[in-house]
Amino acid sequence: MMQIASTDDSVSLLRDGDTVMIGGSNGGHAVPETLLEALERRFQRQNFPQQLLTALYSRGAWESRQMRRLVVGESGLLKHVVCGALVDFAGNSACITS
């Protein structure tokens, strides 16, 4: 039986080291912003989960401001980010340094 879970309930299932696939489309459309916000809230409150492997399915996921905040601002949340291209809103190449 299919169940619908809240975003907070969904991110409560994540454990350290899990892989999270984040989709979207060019222009940042269809990116699960509320899910990313719930993930950020949980990490800020509990410092958990840590060291996630995040796979960005499309360039659009990187164009999400929320995704950028998670990648750049939450030290320890993400271990690796795997994607095809990182570009900013103007279409310029972007770079993440640690």
Protein backbone atom coordinates (compact mmCIF):
# COMPACT_ATOMS: atom_id res chain seq x y z
CA MET A 1 0.00 0.00 0.00
CA MET A 2 1.38 3.37 -0.99
CA GLN A 3 1.75 5.99 1.73
CA ILE A 4 2.39 9.70 1.50
CA ALA A 5 4.98 10.96 3.97
CA SER A 6 5.81 14.50 5.02
CA THR A 7 9.17 15.91 4.00
CA ASP A 8 10.35 15.77 7.61
CA ASP A 9 9.35 12.11 7.87
CA SER A 10 11.10 11.38 4.58
CA VAL A 11 14.44 12.89 5.61
CA SER A 12 14.22 11.14 8.99
CA LEU A 13 14.90 7.90 7.07
CA LEU A 14 18.33 9.09 5.93
CA ARG A 15 21.40 7.71 7.69
CA ASP A 16 25.06 8.72 7.61
CA GLY A 17 26.69 7.89 4.29
CA ASP A 18 23.44 7.35 2.36
CA THR A 19 23.18 8.28 -1.32
CA VAL A 20 20.55 10.85 -2.26
CA MET A 21 19.50 11.42 -5.87
CA ILE A 22 18.11 14.90 -6.55
CA GLY A 23 16.34 15.62 -9.79
CA GLY A 24 15.06 18.70 -11.51
CA SER A 25 15.15 20.29 -14.91
CA ASN A 26 17.04 23.11 -16.51
CA GLY A 27 16.26 26.42 -14.91
CA GLY A 28 15.83 24.89 -11.46
CA HIS A 29 12.29 23.65 -12.13
CA ALA A 30 10.96 20.52 -10.42
CA VAL A 31 13.71 20.52 -7.79
CA PRO A 32 12.36 19.21 -4.45
CA GLU A 33 12.96 22.47 -2.54
CA THR A 34 10.81 21.53 0.47
CA LEU A 35 12.64 18.23 0.79
CA LEU A 36 16.00 20.02 0.68
CA GLU A 37 14.75 22.49 3.30
CA ALA A 38 13.72 19.60 5.55
CA LEU A 39 17.13 18.00 5.12
CA GLU A 40 18.83 21.26 6.05
CA ARG A 41 16.55 21.68 9.12
CA ARG A 42 17.31 18.19 10.35
CA PHE A 43 21.04 18.66 9.91
CA GLN A 44 21.01 22.02 11.69
CA ARG A 45 18.99 20.64 14.63
CA GLN A 46 20.59 17.21 15.00
CA ASN A 47 23.88 17.43 13.07
CA PHE A 48 22.61 14.34 11.29
CA PRO A 49 22.81 12.76 8.72
CA GLN A 50 26.42 13.35 7.75
CA GLN A 51 28.64 12.52 4.79
CA LEU A 52 25.86 12.02 2.23
CA LEU A 53 26.72 11.22 -1.36
CA THR A 54 24.49 13.46 -3.42
CA ALA A 55 23.89 12.81 -7.09
CA LEU A 56 22.40 15.72 -8.99
CA TYR A 57 20.40 14.23 -11.82
CA SER A 58 20.36 17.38 -13.89
CA ARG A 59 21.91 20.79 -14.15
CA GLY A 60 18.63 22.20 -12.85
CA ALA A 61 19.22 20.75 -9.39
CA TRP A 62 22.37 22.85 -9.05
CA GLU A 63 20.41 25.94 -10.11
CA SER A 64 18.31 25.54 -6.97
CA ARG A 65 19.37 28.14 -4.41
CA GLN A 66 18.53 25.65 -1.64
CA MET A 67 20.83 23.02 -3.14
CA ARG A 68 23.65 25.53 -3.38
CA ARG A 69 23.20 26.44 0.29
CA LEU A 70 23.42 22.79 1.29
CA VAL A 71 26.53 22.16 -0.79
CA VAL A 72 28.40 25.30 0.18
CA GLY A 73 27.05 26.11 3.64
CA GLU A 74 26.48 22.93 5.64
CA SER A 75 29.88 21.51 6.50
CA GLY A 76 29.68 17.78 7.13
CA LEU A 77 26.30 17.18 5.52
CA LEU A 78 27.60 16.19 2.09
CA LYS A 79 30.69 14.11 1.44
CA HIS A 80 30.55 14.10 -2.36
CA VAL A 81 28.43 15.73 -5.02
CA VAL A 82 28.25 13.87 -8.33
CA CYS A 83 26.81 15.64 -11.34
CA GLY A 84 27.24 16.26 -15.02
CA ALA A 85 27.72 20.03 -14.90
CA LEU A 86 27.77 22.84 -12.38
CA VAL A 87 26.57 26.10 -13.85
CA ASP A 88 25.24 29.24 -12.25
CA PHE A 89 22.05 31.06 -13.18
CA ALA A 90 23.78 32.97 -15.95
CA GLY A 91 25.09 29.74 -17.49
CA ASN A 92 28.68 30.29 -16.36
CA SER A 93 30.73 27.36 -15.12
CA ALA A 94 30.69 27.10 -11.34
CA CYS A 95 33.24 25.53 -9.06
CA ILE A 96 33.07 24.12 -5.54
CA THR A 97 36.15 24.14 -3.38
CA SER A 98 36.59 22.66 0.03
